[in-house]
Amino acid sequence: DAVRQKAAENGVSLKPTNQSPYNR
């Protein structure tokens, strides 16, 4: 939770970059 909160505060995306959006 602390990692998620700090990432949100600093504008860091935790979403995987190797996945297609919308399940395509």
PDB file of all heavy atoms in Angstrom:
ATOM      1  N   ASP A   1       0.822  -1.210   0.000  1.00  0.00           N
ATOM      2  CA  ASP A   1       0.000   0.000   0.000  1.00  0.00           C
ATOM      3  C   ASP A   1       0.860   1.264   0.000  1.00  0.00           C
ATOM      4  O   ASP A   1       0.537   2.246  -0.661  1.00  0.00           O
ATOM      5  CB  ASP A   1      -0.940   0.019   1.205  1.00  0.00           C
ATOM      6  CG  ASP A   1      -2.053  -1.001   1.087  1.00  0.00           C
ATOM      7  OD1 ASP A   1      -2.366  -1.415  -0.053  1.00  0.00           O
ATOM      8  OD2 ASP A   1      -2.611  -1.397   2.131  1.00  0.00           O
ATOM      9  N   ALA A   2       1.957   1.244   0.751  1.00  0.00           N
ATOM     10  CA  ALA A   2       2.851   2.407   0.792  1.00  0.00           C
ATOM     11  C   ALA A   2       3.484   2.644  -0.573  1.00  0.00           C
ATOM     12  O   ALA A   2       3.636   3.788  -1.013  1.00  0.00           O
ATOM     13  CB  ALA A   2       3.934   2.195   1.845  1.00  0.00           C
ATOM     14  N   VAL A   3       3.829   1.560  -1.263  1.00  0.00           N
ATOM     15  CA  VAL A   3       4.415   1.670  -2.603  1.00  0.00           C
ATOM     16  C   VAL A   3       3.392   2.276  -3.560  1.00  0.00           C
ATOM     17  O   VAL A   3       3.712   3.191  -4.329  1.00  0.00           O
ATOM     18  CB  VAL A   3       4.894   0.286  -3.108  1.00  0.00           C
ATOM     19  CG1 VAL A   3       5.272   0.332  -4.574  1.00  0.00           C
ATOM     20  CG2 VAL A   3       6.056  -0.206  -2.271  1.00  0.00           C
ATOM     21  N   ARG A   4       2.158   1.786  -3.496  1.00  0.00           N
ATOM     22  CA  ARG A   4       1.110   2.315  -4.377  1.00  0.00           C
ATOM     23  C   ARG A   4       0.851   3.798  -4.104  1.00  0.00           C
ATOM     24  O   ARG A   4       0.689   4.592  -5.021  1.00  0.00           O
ATOM     25  CB  ARG A   4      -0.194   1.530  -4.179  1.00  0.00           C
ATOM     26  CG  ARG A   4      -0.163   0.137  -4.739  1.00  0.00           C
ATOM     27  CD  ARG A   4      -1.521  -0.538  -4.522  1.00  0.00           C
ATOM     28  NE  ARG A   4      -1.466  -1.954  -4.788  1.00  0.00           N
ATOM     29  CZ  ARG A   4      -1.556  -2.494  -6.005  1.00  0.00           C
ATOM     30  NH1 ARG A   4      -1.696  -1.720  -7.043  1.00  0.00           N
ATOM     31  NH2 ARG A   4      -1.502  -3.800  -6.142  1.00  0.00           N
ATOM     32  N   GLN A   5       0.806   4.161  -2.830  1.00  0.00           N
ATOM     33  CA  GLN A   5       0.536   5.556  -2.464  1.00  0.00           C
ATOM     34  C   GLN A   5       1.660   6.479  -2.936  1.00  0.00           C
ATOM     35  O   GLN A   5       1.403   7.545  -3.491  1.00  0.00           O
ATOM     36  CB  GLN A   5       0.364   5.671  -0.954  1.00  0.00           C
ATOM     37  CG  GLN A   5       0.026   7.074  -0.503  1.00  0.00           C
ATOM     38  CD  GLN A   5      -0.204   7.165   0.989  1.00  0.00           C
ATOM     39  OE1 GLN A   5      -0.075   6.184   1.715  1.00  0.00           O
ATOM     40  NE2 GLN A   5      -0.535   8.350   1.462  1.00  0.00           N
ATOM     41  N   LYS A   6       2.904   6.079  -2.729  1.00  0.00           N
ATOM     42  CA  LYS A   6       4.032   6.920  -3.136  1.00  0.00           C
ATOM     43  C   LYS A   6       4.098   7.029  -4.654  1.00  0.00           C
ATOM     44  O   LYS A   6       4.432   8.082  -5.195  1.00  0.00           O
ATOM     45  CB  LYS A   6       5.348   6.353  -2.580  1.00  0.00           C
ATOM     46  CG  LYS A   6       6.472   7.332  -2.622  1.00  0.00           C
ATOM     47  CD  LYS A   6       6.141   8.532  -1.750  1.00  0.00           C
ATOM     48  CE  LYS A   6       7.294   9.468  -1.621  1.00  0.00           C
ATOM     49  NZ  LYS A   6       6.985  10.611  -0.755  1.00  0.00           N
ATOM     50  N   ALA A   7       3.786   5.961  -5.347  1.00  0.00           N
ATOM     51  CA  ALA A   7       3.761   5.994  -6.810  1.00  0.00           C
ATOM     52  C   ALA A   7       2.702   6.976  -7.297  1.00  0.00           C
ATOM     53  O   ALA A   7       2.949   7.763  -8.222  1.00  0.00           O
ATOM     54  CB  ALA A   7       3.504   4.602  -7.365  1.00  0.00           C
ATOM     55  N   ALA A   8       1.540   6.975  -6.663  1.00  0.00           N
ATOM     56  CA  ALA A   8       0.469   7.895  -7.046  1.00  0.00           C
ATOM     57  C   ALA A   8       0.879   9.345  -6.775  1.00  0.00           C
ATOM     58  O   ALA A   8       0.617  10.232  -7.589  1.00  0.00           O
ATOM     59  CB  ALA A   8      -0.809   7.552  -6.289  1.00  0.00           C
ATOM     60  N   GLU A   9       1.538   9.591  -5.652  1.00  0.00           N
ATOM     61  CA  GLU A   9       1.988  10.942  -5.305  1.00  0.00           C
ATOM     62  C   GLU A   9       2.988  11.484  -6.322  1.00  0.00           C
ATOM     63  O   GLU A   9       3.022  12.676  -6.592  1.00  0.00           O
ATOM     64  CB  GLU A   9       2.655  10.950  -3.922  1.00  0.00           C
ATOM     65  CG  GLU A   9       1.706  10.818  -2.769  1.00  0.00           C
ATOM     66  CD  GLU A   9       2.432  10.714  -1.439  1.00  0.00           C
ATOM     67  OE1 GLU A   9       3.657  10.952  -1.383  1.00  0.00           O
ATOM     68  OE2 GLU A   9       1.763  10.382  -0.445  1.00  0.00           O
ATOM     69  N   ASN A  10       3.820  10.591  -6.870  1.00  0.00           N
ATOM     70  CA  ASN A  10       4.872  11.009  -7.795  1.00  0.00           C
ATOM     71  C   ASN A  10       4.508  10.803  -9.263  1.00  0.00           C
ATOM     72  O   ASN A  10       5.354  10.969 -10.131  1.00  0.00           O
ATOM     73  CB  ASN A  10       6.172  10.245  -7.480  1.00  0.00           C
ATOM     74  CG  ASN A  10       6.801  10.745  -6.209  1.00  0.00           C
ATOM     75  OD1 ASN A  10       7.260  11.877  -6.135  1.00  0.00           O
ATOM     76  ND2 ASN A  10       6.795   9.919  -5.182  1.00  0.00           N
ATOM     77  N   GLY A  11       3.281  10.381  -9.520  1.00  0.00           N
ATOM     78  CA  GLY A  11       2.835  10.201 -10.902  1.00  0.00           C
ATOM     79  C   GLY A  11       3.496   9.033 -11.605  1.00  0.00           C
ATOM     80  O   GLY A  11       3.675   9.045 -12.813  1.00  0.00           O
ATOM     81  N   VAL A  12       3.855   8.011 -10.855  1.00  0.00           N
ATOM     82  CA  VAL A  12       4.492   6.820 -11.420  1.00  0.00           C
ATOM     83  C   VAL A  12       3.409   5.786 -11.705  1.00  0.00           C
ATOM     84  O   VAL A  12       2.651   5.420 -10.810  1.00  0.00           O
ATOM     85  CB  VAL A  12       5.534   6.228 -10.435  1.00  0.00           C
ATOM     86  CG1 VAL A  12       6.147   4.956 -10.986  1.00  0.00           C
ATOM     87  CG2 VAL A  12       6.606   7.251 -10.121  1.00  0.00           C
ATOM     88  N   SER A  13       3.337   5.325 -12.951  1.00  0.00           N
ATOM     89  CA  SER A  13       2.356   4.321 -13.327  1.00  0.00           C
ATOM     90  C   SER A  13       2.867   2.936 -12.959  1.00  0.00           C
ATOM     91  O   SER A  13       4.005   2.587 -13.274  1.00  0.00           O
ATOM     92  CB  SER A  13       2.084   4.388 -14.827  1.00  0.00           C
ATOM     93  OG  SER A  13       1.221   3.334 -15.204  1.00  0.00           O
ATOM     94  N   LEU A  14       2.034   2.160 -12.292  1.00  0.00           N
ATOM     95  CA  LEU A  14       2.404   0.797 -11.924  1.00  0.00           C
ATOM     96  C   LEU A  14       1.770  -0.236 -12.860  1.00  0.00           C
ATOM     97  O   LEU A  14       1.893  -1.427 -12.634  1.00  0.00           O
ATOM     98  CB  LEU A  14       1.983   0.518 -10.477  1.00  0.00           C
ATOM     99  CG  LEU A  14       2.654   1.388  -9.422  1.00  0.00           C
ATOM    100  CD1 LEU A  14       2.084   1.068  -8.049  1.00  0.00           C
ATOM    101  CD2 LEU A  14       4.149   1.198  -9.427  1.00  0.00           C
ATOM    102  N   LYS A  15       1.125   0.238 -13.916  1.00  0.00           N
ATOM    103  CA  LYS A  15       0.510  -0.683 -14.868  1.00  0.00           C
ATOM    104  C   LYS A  15       1.584  -1.289 -15.755  1.00  0.00           C
ATOM    105  O   LYS A  15       2.507  -0.590 -16.186  1.00  0.00           O
ATOM    106  CB  LYS A  15      -0.509   0.050 -15.732  1.00  0.00           C
ATOM    107  CG  LYS A  15      -1.704   0.529 -14.951  1.00  0.00           C
ATOM    108  CD  LYS A  15      -2.714   1.174 -15.841  1.00  0.00           C
ATOM    109  CE  LYS A  15      -3.899   1.632 -15.012  1.00  0.00           C
ATOM    110  NZ  LYS A  15      -4.912   2.292 -15.823  1.00  0.00           N
ATOM    111  N   PRO A  16       1.496  -2.570 -16.049  1.00  0.00           N
ATOM    112  CA  PRO A  16       2.480  -3.203 -16.921  1.00  0.00           C
ATOM    113  C   PRO A  16       2.471  -2.567 -18.310  1.00  0.00           C
ATOM    114  O   PRO A  16       1.408  -2.332 -18.882  1.00  0.00           O
ATOM    115  CB  PRO A  16       2.035  -4.661 -17.007  1.00  0.00           C
ATOM    116  CG  PRO A  16       1.110  -4.856 -15.866  1.00  0.00           C
ATOM    117  CD  PRO A  16       0.516  -3.515 -15.548  1.00  0.00           C
ATOM    118  N   THR A  17       3.652  -2.273 -18.834  1.00  0.00           N
ATOM    119  CA  THR A  17       3.742  -1.623 -20.145  1.00  0.00           C
ATOM    120  C   THR A  17       3.712  -2.615 -21.294  1.00  0.00           C
ATOM    121  O   THR A  17       3.613  -2.218 -22.436  1.00  0.00           O
ATOM    122  CB  THR A  17       5.030  -0.796 -20.245  1.00  0.00           C
ATOM    123  OG1 THR A  17       6.146  -1.666 -20.011  1.00  0.00           O
ATOM    124  CG2 THR A  17       5.027   0.329 -19.245  1.00  0.00           C
ATOM    125  N   ASN A  18       3.782  -3.898 -21.006  1.00  0.00           N
ATOM    126  CA  ASN A  18       3.839  -4.903 -22.068  1.00  0.00           C
ATOM    127  C   ASN A  18       2.489  -5.542 -22.372  1.00  0.00           C
ATOM    128  O   ASN A  18       2.414  -6.564 -23.023  1.00  0.00           O
ATOM    129  CB  ASN A  18       4.862  -5.984 -21.716  1.00  0.00           C
ATOM    130  CG  ASN A  18       4.528  -6.686 -20.424  1.00  0.00           C
ATOM    131  OD1 ASN A  18       3.637  -6.280 -19.705  1.00  0.00           O
ATOM    132  ND2 ASN A  18       5.273  -7.734 -20.121  1.00  0.00           N
ATOM    133  N   GLN A  19       1.397  -4.945 -21.903  1.00  0.00           N
ATOM    134  CA  GLN A  19       0.078  -5.505 -22.160  1.00  0.00           C
ATOM    135  C   GLN A  19      -0.732  -4.557 -23.032  1.00  0.00           C
ATOM    136  O   GLN A  19      -0.655  -3.340 -22.887  1.00  0.00           O
ATOM    137  CB  GLN A  19      -0.674  -5.738 -20.851  1.00  0.00           C
ATOM    138  CG  GLN A  19      -0.081  -6.859 -20.027  1.00  0.00           C
ATOM    139  CD  GLN A  19      -0.905  -7.108 -18.776  1.00  0.00           C
ATOM    140  OE1 GLN A  19      -1.816  -6.367 -18.444  1.00  0.00           O
ATOM    141  NE2 GLN A  19      -0.562  -8.164 -18.067  1.00  0.00           N
ATOM    142  N   SER A  20      -1.514  -5.113 -23.917  1.00  0.00           N
ATOM    143  CA  SER A  20      -2.366  -4.315 -24.787  1.00  0.00           C
ATOM    144  C   SER A  20      -3.544  -3.757 -23.993  1.00  0.00           C
ATOM    145  O   SER A  20      -4.084  -4.445 -23.132  1.00  0.00           O
ATOM    146  CB  SER A  20      -2.929  -5.165 -25.917  1.00  0.00           C
ATOM    147  OG  SER A  20      -1.914  -5.770 -26.634  1.00  0.00           O
ATOM    148  N   PRO A  21      -3.969  -2.548 -24.307  1.00  0.00           N
ATOM    149  CA  PRO A  21      -5.139  -2.019 -23.616  1.00  0.00           C
ATOM    150  C   PRO A  21      -6.419  -2.694 -24.106  1.00  0.00           C
ATOM    151  O   PRO A  21      -6.477  -3.187 -25.227  1.00  0.00           O
ATOM    152  CB  PRO A  21      -5.127  -0.541 -23.989  1.00  0.00           C
ATOM    153  CG  PRO A  21      -4.366  -0.474 -25.260  1.00  0.00           C
ATOM    154  CD  PRO A  21      -3.377  -1.604 -25.219  1.00  0.00           C
ATOM    155  N   TYR A  22      -7.419  -2.709 -23.289  1.00  0.00           N
ATOM    156  CA  TYR A  22      -8.757  -3.215 -23.609  1.00  0.00           C
ATOM    157  C   TYR A  22      -8.774  -4.679 -24.041  1.00  0.00           C
ATOM    158  O   TYR A  22      -9.588  -5.089 -24.824  1.00  0.00           O
ATOM    159  CB  TYR A  22      -9.415  -2.350 -24.694  1.00  0.00           C
ATOM    160  CG  TYR A  22      -9.357  -0.889 -24.388  1.00  0.00           C
ATOM    161  CD1 TYR A  22      -8.621  -0.041 -25.184  1.00  0.00           C
ATOM    162  CD2 TYR A  22     -10.010  -0.370 -23.285  1.00  0.00           C
ATOM    163  CE1 TYR A  22      -8.532   1.310 -24.895  1.00  0.00           C
ATOM    164  CE2 TYR A  22      -9.929   0.976 -22.979  1.00  0.00           C
ATOM    165  CZ  TYR A  22      -9.196   1.812 -23.792  1.00  0.00           C
ATOM    166  OH  TYR A  22      -9.098   3.150 -23.496  1.00  0.00           O
ATOM    167  N   ASN A  23      -7.830  -5.462 -23.576  1.00  0.00           N
ATOM    168  CA  ASN A  23      -7.807  -6.896 -23.844  1.00  0.00           C
ATOM    169  C   ASN A  23      -7.740  -7.239 -25.340  1.00  0.00           C
ATOM    170  O   ASN A  23      -8.294  -8.224 -25.772  1.00  0.00           O
ATOM    171  CB  ASN A  23      -9.032  -7.551 -23.221  1.00  0.00           C
ATOM    172  CG  ASN A  23      -8.633  -8.575 -22.193  1.00  0.00           C
ATOM    173  OD1 ASN A  23      -7.448  -8.816 -21.980  1.00  0.00           O
ATOM    174  ND2 ASN A  23      -9.605  -9.175 -21.552  1.00  0.00           N
ATOM    175  N   ARG A  24      -7.114  -6.410 -26.120  1.00  0.00           N
ATOM    176  CA  ARG A  24      -7.003  -6.679 -27.543  1.00  0.00           C
ATOM    177  C   ARG A  24      -5.894  -7.681 -27.817  1.00  0.00           C
ATOM    178  O   ARG A  24      -4.814  -7.603 -27.250  1.00  0.00           O
ATOM    179  CB  ARG A  24      -6.683  -5.396 -28.312  1.00  0.00           C
ATOM    180  CG  ARG A  24      -7.787  -4.401 -28.240  1.00  0.00           C
ATOM    181  CD  ARG A  24      -7.433  -3.187 -29.055  1.00  0.00           C
ATOM    182  NE  ARG A  24      -8.430  -2.160 -28.811  1.00  0.00           N
ATOM    183  CZ  ARG A  24      -8.294  -0.912 -29.176  1.00  0.00           C
ATOM    184  NH1 ARG A  24      -7.195  -0.517 -29.777  1.00  0.00           N
ATOM    185  NH2 ARG A  24      -9.223  -0.037 -28.923  1.00  0.00           N
TER     186      ARG A  24
END
